[in-house]
Amino acid sequence: MRVLITGNMGYVGPVLTAHLHATFPGATIVGFDSGYFAHCLTGAATLPEVATTSQQFGDIRDFPPALLEGVDAVVHLAAISNDPMGKSFETVTERVNYEAGLRLAELARDRGVKHFVFASSCSIYGEASGGPRKETDPVNPLTAYARSKVALEQGLARLEAGGMVVTCLRFATACGMSARLRLDLVLNDFVACALTAGEITVLSDGSPWRPLIDVRDMARAIEWAITRRESDGGRFLIVNAGCEEWNYQVRDLAQAVQRAIPGTSIDINRNAQPDRRSYQVDFTRFRTLAPRHQPRCTLEDTIAGLQAGLHAMGFNDGKFRQSELMRLRVLERHTAEGRLDADLRWR
């Protein structure tokens, strides 16, 4: 098996690469990444990319078709990857997340790739009342990031994919430890707050609903997707990836961290403007199609893993929300210091 992973040098990539390397020992794993966050290592004993067979650097907007020769599966992680970055770089988000992603799928089809896996997001449900959202329910993207995910899903649905099996994994909000940890994710942020300040500062009123998934369980879902048969969901499939037990209100997450880290207090901004991004998600389809690849991590496991990982790093930065553990801050620093231009291309 030959697997190409785009965006492998981000938050999910190191965990996914290690998982695929262990699960498919004879596989060839090729990484392709711009390198924006390559330096953002967090407690890694070795460079995570040693688990790849080869690492290629480049902009996904200029993806070289020859890199797809002999590839069996493409895992497309590359993206401007959250709401704050999408707001700051809206045009780039559309070009990278939608236009470049669709071109990559077309190139993969033309080169005979068997599986194309797109890391989509449950954030496309946006503001959703009336119970957990199913894949057949209307979407309500509220941000440039979420709109770009919807656009690529729709583009892939229209694509004449030939013999290529396409899977769009609508992931719940990621969390958990990684060799390139992000702290701009709700649970990760709360653990970091508890460890550095002894107080979790909740920027909303705590009421929004979020489904979560540990990054290790994301890797297991991707493992399923790159090997799934067309009979398990069809030639083109959209599926929510996560589990019902991980639908939480934000205040519940803060309280779980408080229980895990004694002495932690919680400061909820009860005067905050309502956060419209609130949704629960139904994961029945994923449970039916991938019974052997269901999430295994518990919320308590993930909090303990983050706590241990941050301790091992010697993490003690009370101003981490201004640090390079927040992805937008990395891009801002690159652009301010002249390494990236306004279109997020290396100078």
Protein backbone atom coordinates (compact mmCIF):
# COMPACT_ATOMS: atom_id res chain seq x y z
CA MET A 1 0.00 0.00 0.00
CA ARG A 2 1.21 3.49 -0.88
CA VAL A 3 -0.45 6.33 1.04
CA LEU A 4 -0.06 10.05 0.43
CA ILE A 5 -0.91 12.35 3.35
CA THR A 6 -1.27 16.06 2.61
CA GLY A 7 -0.81 18.44 5.54
CA ASN A 8 0.99 15.74 7.50
CA MET A 9 3.10 18.23 9.48
CA GLY A 10 0.19 19.72 11.36
CA TYR A 11 -1.64 18.56 14.48
CA VAL A 12 -3.29 15.37 13.22
CA GLY A 13 -0.53 14.26 10.85
CA PRO A 14 2.06 13.05 13.39
CA VAL A 15 -0.50 10.87 15.18
CA LEU A 16 -1.93 9.55 11.91
CA THR A 17 1.48 8.79 10.42
CA ALA A 18 2.59 6.85 13.49
CA HIS A 19 -0.69 4.93 13.51
CA LEU A 20 -0.52 3.95 9.84
CA HIS A 21 3.17 3.04 10.17
CA ALA A 22 2.31 0.67 13.03
CA THR A 23 -0.86 -0.72 11.44
CA PHE A 24 0.56 -1.29 7.95
CA PRO A 25 4.29 -2.02 8.52
CA GLY A 26 5.01 -2.60 4.85
CA ALA A 27 3.22 0.50 3.60
CA THR A 28 4.92 3.38 1.83
CA ILE A 29 3.84 6.64 3.46
CA VAL A 30 4.54 9.88 1.63
CA GLY A 31 4.03 13.25 3.31
CA PHE A 32 3.32 16.51 1.49
CA ASP A 33 3.23 19.74 3.48
CA SER A 34 3.93 23.46 3.16
CA GLY A 35 5.92 23.46 6.40
CA TYR A 36 4.06 26.35 8.05
CA PHE A 37 4.06 24.52 11.39
CA ALA A 38 6.99 22.15 10.94
CA HIS A 39 8.91 23.85 13.76
CA CYS A 40 6.01 23.69 16.23
CA LEU A 41 7.16 20.50 17.94
CA THR A 42 5.80 19.72 21.39
CA GLY A 43 7.68 17.17 23.43
CA ALA A 44 8.64 15.02 20.46
CA ALA A 45 11.60 12.73 21.11
CA THR A 46 12.17 12.40 17.36
CA LEU A 47 10.94 14.19 14.27
CA PRO A 48 7.48 12.66 13.62
CA GLU A 49 8.24 12.39 9.92
CA VAL A 50 10.74 9.58 10.52
CA ALA A 51 7.61 7.38 10.28
CA THR A 52 7.14 8.46 6.66
CA THR A 53 8.97 6.86 3.77
CA SER A 54 9.54 10.28 2.22
CA GLN A 55 8.62 13.88 2.98
CA GLN A 56 7.90 16.40 0.25
CA PHE A 57 7.52 20.14 0.79
CA GLY A 58 5.26 22.32 -1.32
CA ASP A 59 2.12 24.41 -1.54
CA ILE A 60 -1.06 22.37 -2.04
CA ARG A 61 -2.15 25.01 -4.58
CA ASP A 62 0.80 23.86 -6.74
CA PHE A 63 0.58 20.15 -6.05
CA PRO A 64 2.87 18.13 -8.39
CA PRO A 65 0.81 15.42 -10.16
CA ALA A 66 3.81 13.10 -10.45
CA LEU A 67 3.71 12.58 -6.68
CA LEU A 68 0.52 10.53 -7.18
CA GLU A 69 2.22 7.86 -9.28
CA GLY A 70 1.51 4.46 -7.74
CA VAL A 71 -0.48 5.93 -4.83
CA ASP A 72 -3.32 3.76 -3.56
CA ALA A 73 -4.87 6.21 -1.08
CA VAL A 74 -4.77 9.96 -0.54
CA VAL A 75 -5.55 11.36 2.91
CA HIS A 76 -6.26 15.05 2.48
CA LEU A 77 -5.59 16.93 5.72
CA ALA A 78 -4.03 20.08 4.24
CA ALA A 79 -6.11 23.16 5.05
CA ILE A 80 -6.20 26.59 6.61
CA SER A 81 -7.44 24.80 9.62
CA ASN A 82 -9.69 26.76 11.95
CA ASP A 83 -12.15 29.65 12.25
CA PRO A 84 -9.70 32.38 13.37
CA MET A 85 -7.32 31.63 10.50
CA GLY A 86 -10.22 31.49 8.08
CA LYS A 87 -11.41 34.90 9.25
CA SER A 88 -7.95 36.44 8.86
CA PHE A 89 -7.22 34.77 5.50
CA GLU A 90 -10.64 34.27 3.94
CA THR A 91 -9.64 34.28 0.27
CA VAL A 92 -6.67 32.00 0.92
CA THR A 93 -8.97 29.65 2.82
CA GLU A 94 -11.22 29.26 -0.19
CA ARG A 95 -8.30 28.70 -2.56
CA VAL A 96 -6.47 26.24 -0.33
CA ASN A 97 -9.34 24.38 1.30
CA TYR A 98 -11.73 24.21 -1.66
CA GLU A 99 -10.05 24.92 -4.98
CA ALA A 100 -6.76 23.12 -4.30
CA GLY A 101 -8.56 20.22 -2.61
CA LEU A 102 -10.82 19.66 -5.61
CA ARG A 103 -7.89 19.84 -8.03
CA LEU A 104 -6.05 17.27 -5.91
CA ALA A 105 -9.04 14.91 -6.13
CA GLU A 106 -9.20 15.33 -9.91
CA LEU A 107 -5.48 14.59 -10.21
CA ALA A 108 -5.85 11.55 -7.95
CA ARG A 109 -8.69 10.22 -10.09
CA ASP A 110 -6.70 10.72 -13.26
CA ARG A 111 -3.71 8.85 -11.78
CA GLY A 112 -5.80 5.84 -10.76
CA VAL A 113 -5.83 6.40 -6.99
CA LYS A 114 -8.25 3.96 -5.36
CA HIS A 115 -9.22 5.91 -2.23
CA PHE A 116 -9.54 9.63 -1.54
CA VAL A 117 -10.21 10.58 2.09
CA PHE A 118 -11.14 14.16 2.91
CA ALA A 119 -10.90 15.42 6.50
CA SER A 120 -14.10 17.46 6.69
CA SER A 121 -15.64 18.88 9.86
CA CYS A 122 -18.82 18.79 11.93
CA SER A 123 -18.40 22.56 12.24
CA ILE A 124 -20.40 22.81 9.03
CA TYR A 125 -23.55 22.24 11.11
CA GLY A 126 -22.92 25.65 12.69
CA GLU A 127 -26.01 26.61 14.64
CA ALA A 128 -28.29 23.60 14.88
CA SER A 129 -31.18 23.08 17.28
CA GLY A 130 -33.64 20.22 17.34
CA GLY A 131 -31.38 17.35 18.26
CA PRO A 132 -28.21 15.70 16.94
CA ARG A 133 -27.44 16.39 13.28
CA LYS A 134 -27.36 13.56 10.76
CA GLU A 135 -25.49 13.60 7.45
CA THR A 136 -28.79 14.13 5.63
CA ASP A 137 -29.70 17.23 7.66
CA PRO A 138 -29.14 20.73 6.27
CA VAL A 139 -25.78 22.32 6.99
CA ASN A 140 -25.38 25.85 8.32
CA PRO A 141 -21.73 26.94 7.98
CA LEU A 142 -21.10 30.15 9.88
CA THR A 143 -17.42 30.76 9.07
CA ALA A 144 -15.10 30.83 6.07
CA TYR A 145 -13.47 27.62 7.33
CA ALA A 146 -16.79 25.79 7.58
CA ARG A 147 -17.95 27.13 4.20
CA SER A 148 -14.78 25.83 2.57
CA LYS A 149 -15.45 22.36 3.98
CA VAL A 150 -18.99 22.39 2.59
CA ALA A 151 -17.72 23.60 -0.78
CA LEU A 152 -15.21 20.76 -1.11
CA GLU A 153 -17.74 18.15 -0.01
CA GLN A 154 -20.10 19.42 -2.70
CA GLY A 155 -17.32 19.51 -5.27
CA LEU A 156 -16.37 15.91 -4.49
CA ALA A 157 -20.03 14.87 -4.73
CA ARG A 158 -20.18 16.32 -8.27
CA LEU A 159 -16.85 14.82 -9.29
CA GLU A 160 -16.90 12.05 -11.86
CA ALA A 161 -14.60 9.94 -9.73
CA GLY A 162 -14.29 6.91 -12.00
CA GLY A 163 -13.16 3.95 -9.90
CA MET A 164 -12.00 6.09 -6.96
CA VAL A 165 -13.80 5.59 -3.64
CA VAL A 166 -14.28 8.98 -1.95
CA THR A 167 -14.90 9.36 1.79
CA CYS A 168 -15.65 12.67 3.51
CA LEU A 169 -15.10 12.24 7.24
CA ARG A 170 -16.99 14.96 9.08
CA PHE A 171 -14.83 14.95 12.18
CA ALA A 172 -15.96 16.15 15.57
CA THR A 173 -13.71 18.79 17.19
CA ALA A 174 -10.24 17.35 17.61
CA CYS A 175 -8.51 17.08 20.97
CA GLY A 176 -5.66 15.19 22.62
CA MET A 177 -1.88 15.14 22.68
CA SER A 178 0.24 15.34 19.55
CA ALA A 179 3.87 15.90 18.65
CA ARG A 180 2.62 19.20 17.18
CA LEU A 181 0.05 20.11 19.80
CA ARG A 182 -2.48 22.86 19.21
CA LEU A 183 -3.96 24.78 22.13
CA ASP A 184 -6.55 26.60 20.00
CA LEU A 185 -8.95 23.68 20.52
CA VAL A 186 -11.45 23.83 23.33
CA LEU A 187 -10.46 20.87 25.50
CA ASN A 188 -6.73 21.36 24.94
CA ASP A 189 -7.13 25.02 25.91
CA PHE A 190 -8.93 24.12 29.13
CA VAL A 191 -6.23 21.68 30.23
CA ALA A 192 -3.53 24.27 29.50
CA CYS A 193 -5.46 26.90 31.51
CA ALA A 194 -5.79 24.55 34.46
CA LEU A 195 -2.10 23.67 34.50
CA THR A 196 -0.73 27.19 34.09
CA ALA A 197 -3.22 29.34 35.98
CA GLY A 198 -5.26 26.95 38.09
CA GLU A 199 -8.30 28.53 36.48
CA ILE A 200 -10.20 27.65 33.30
CA THR A 201 -11.36 30.79 31.51
CA VAL A 202 -14.40 29.98 29.38
CA LEU A 203 -14.77 32.72 26.78
CA SER A 204 -18.43 31.88 26.09
CA ASP A 205 -21.32 31.38 28.53
CA GLY A 206 -20.53 27.66 28.52
CA SER A 207 -23.80 26.57 26.94
CA PRO A 208 -22.77 25.70 23.33
CA TRP A 209 -22.72 22.05 22.36
CA ARG A 210 -19.61 20.49 20.79
CA PRO A 211 -18.88 16.94 19.73
CA LEU A 212 -15.24 15.96 20.31
CA ILE A 213 -12.90 13.21 19.12
CA ASP A 214 -9.42 12.31 20.31
CA VAL A 215 -6.79 12.63 17.58
CA ARG A 216 -5.91 8.95 18.09
CA ASP A 217 -9.47 7.99 17.21
CA MET A 218 -9.31 10.27 14.17
CA ALA A 219 -6.37 8.18 12.98
CA ARG A 220 -8.38 4.98 13.43
CA ALA A 221 -11.28 6.44 11.42
CA ILE A 222 -8.89 7.36 8.61
CA GLU A 223 -7.44 3.85 8.68
CA TRP A 224 -10.97 2.56 8.02
CA ALA A 225 -11.61 5.08 5.25
CA ILE A 226 -8.49 4.25 3.24
CA THR A 227 -9.47 0.58 3.22
CA ARG A 228 -13.27 0.65 3.07
CA ARG A 229 -15.05 -1.26 0.36
CA GLU A 230 -17.41 0.50 -2.01
CA SER A 231 -20.16 -1.78 -0.69
CA ASP A 232 -19.71 -0.18 2.76
CA GLY A 233 -21.31 3.17 2.08
CA GLY A 234 -21.02 3.57 -1.68
CA ARG A 235 -18.57 5.10 -4.13
CA PHE A 236 -19.07 8.53 -2.51
CA LEU A 237 -19.72 8.79 1.22
CA ILE A 238 -20.19 11.55 3.76
CA VAL A 239 -20.09 10.32 7.34
CA ASN A 240 -19.93 12.00 10.75
CA ALA A 241 -16.85 10.64 12.54
CA GLY A 242 -17.07 10.43 16.32
CA CYS A 243 -19.48 8.99 18.88
CA GLU A 244 -22.61 10.17 20.68
CA GLU A 245 -20.97 9.91 24.12
CA TRP A 246 -18.63 12.73 23.15
CA ASN A 247 -21.36 15.34 22.61
CA TYR A 248 -20.69 17.85 25.41
CA GLN A 249 -21.62 21.36 26.38
CA VAL A 250 -18.57 23.55 26.81
CA ARG A 251 -19.18 23.94 30.55
CA ASP A 252 -19.24 20.13 30.89
CA LEU A 253 -15.75 19.98 29.42
CA ALA A 254 -14.51 22.62 31.84
CA GLN A 255 -15.98 20.68 34.76
CA ALA A 256 -14.36 17.44 33.56
CA VAL A 257 -10.95 19.14 33.51
CA GLN A 258 -11.65 20.60 36.95
CA ARG A 259 -12.33 17.11 38.31
CA ALA A 260 -9.15 15.75 36.75
CA ILE A 261 -6.90 18.55 37.99
CA PRO A 262 -7.74 19.28 41.64
CA GLY A 263 -7.67 22.89 42.76
CA THR A 264 -8.82 24.22 39.39
CA SER A 265 -11.49 26.93 39.35
CA ILE A 266 -13.74 27.87 36.44
CA ASP A 267 -14.47 31.41 35.24
CA ILE A 268 -17.39 31.46 32.81
CA ASN A 269 -18.09 34.67 30.94
CA ARG A 270 -21.82 34.80 31.57
CA ASN A 271 -22.05 38.21 29.87
CA ALA A 272 -20.56 36.92 26.61
CA GLN A 273 -22.49 37.30 23.40
CA PRO A 274 -24.16 33.98 22.55
CA ASP A 275 -21.88 31.66 20.58
CA ARG A 276 -23.99 30.60 17.61
CA ARG A 277 -21.69 27.65 16.90
CA SER A 278 -23.61 25.05 18.86
CA TYR A 279 -24.53 21.62 17.57
CA GLN A 280 -24.89 18.00 18.61
CA VAL A 281 -24.10 15.27 16.10
CA ASP A 282 -25.53 11.84 15.35
CA PHE A 283 -22.85 9.22 14.61
CA THR A 284 -25.14 6.27 13.81
CA ARG A 285 -23.92 5.92 10.23
CA PHE A 286 -20.27 5.73 11.31
CA ARG A 287 -21.09 3.19 14.02
CA THR A 288 -22.95 1.04 11.47
CA LEU A 289 -20.34 1.19 8.72
CA ALA A 290 -17.17 1.03 10.85
CA PRO A 291 -17.97 -1.07 13.94
CA ARG A 292 -14.32 -2.10 14.40
CA HIS A 293 -13.00 1.45 14.15
CA GLN A 294 -15.15 3.18 16.74
CA PRO A 295 -13.60 5.70 19.14
CA ARG A 296 -11.89 4.02 22.09
CA CYS A 297 -10.63 7.00 24.07
CA THR A 298 -12.65 8.39 26.95
CA LEU A 299 -12.76 12.05 27.92
CA GLU A 300 -10.82 11.18 31.06
CA ASP A 301 -8.15 9.37 28.97
CA THR A 302 -7.69 12.39 26.75
CA ILE A 303 -7.44 14.87 29.62
CA ALA A 304 -4.88 12.63 31.35
CA GLY A 305 -2.88 12.34 28.13
CA LEU A 306 -2.82 16.11 27.66
CA GLN A 307 -1.83 16.65 31.28
CA ALA A 308 1.01 14.14 31.03
CA GLY A 309 2.19 15.49 27.69
CA LEU A 310 2.23 19.10 28.85
CA HIS A 311 4.05 18.16 32.04
CA ALA A 312 6.66 16.25 30.01
CA MET A 313 7.21 19.40 27.92
CA GLY A 314 7.79 21.46 31.05
CA PHE A 315 4.85 23.58 29.88
CA ASN A 316 4.24 26.62 32.09
CA ASP A 317 3.28 29.45 29.74
CA GLY A 318 0.43 31.43 31.26
CA LYS A 319 0.27 33.50 28.05
CA PHE A 320 -0.02 30.49 25.76
CA ARG A 321 -2.96 32.06 23.88
CA GLN A 322 -0.41 34.46 22.40
CA SER A 323 2.13 31.72 21.66
CA GLU A 324 2.94 29.53 18.67
CA LEU A 325 0.74 26.82 20.17
CA MET A 326 -2.07 28.83 18.57
CA ARG A 327 -1.94 28.28 14.82
CA LEU A 328 -3.08 31.80 13.86
CA ARG A 329 -0.19 33.26 15.86
CA VAL A 330 2.26 31.19 13.80
CA LEU A 331 0.91 32.53 10.51
CA GLU A 332 0.84 36.08 11.87
CA ARG A 333 4.48 35.81 12.89
CA HIS A 334 5.51 34.33 9.56
CA THR A 335 3.81 37.18 7.68
CA ALA A 336 4.96 39.94 10.07
CA GLU A 337 8.57 38.82 9.74
CA GLY A 338 8.36 38.53 5.95
CA ARG A 339 8.57 34.77 5.54
CA LEU A 340 5.06 34.48 4.10
CA ASP A 341 3.30 36.93 1.80
CA ALA A 342 -0.35 37.99 2.10
CA ASP A 343 -1.43 34.88 0.15
CA LEU A 344 0.47 32.66 2.60
CA ARG A 345 3.10 31.70 0.05
CA TRP A 346 6.73 31.42 1.15
CA ARG A 347 8.79 34.37 -0.05
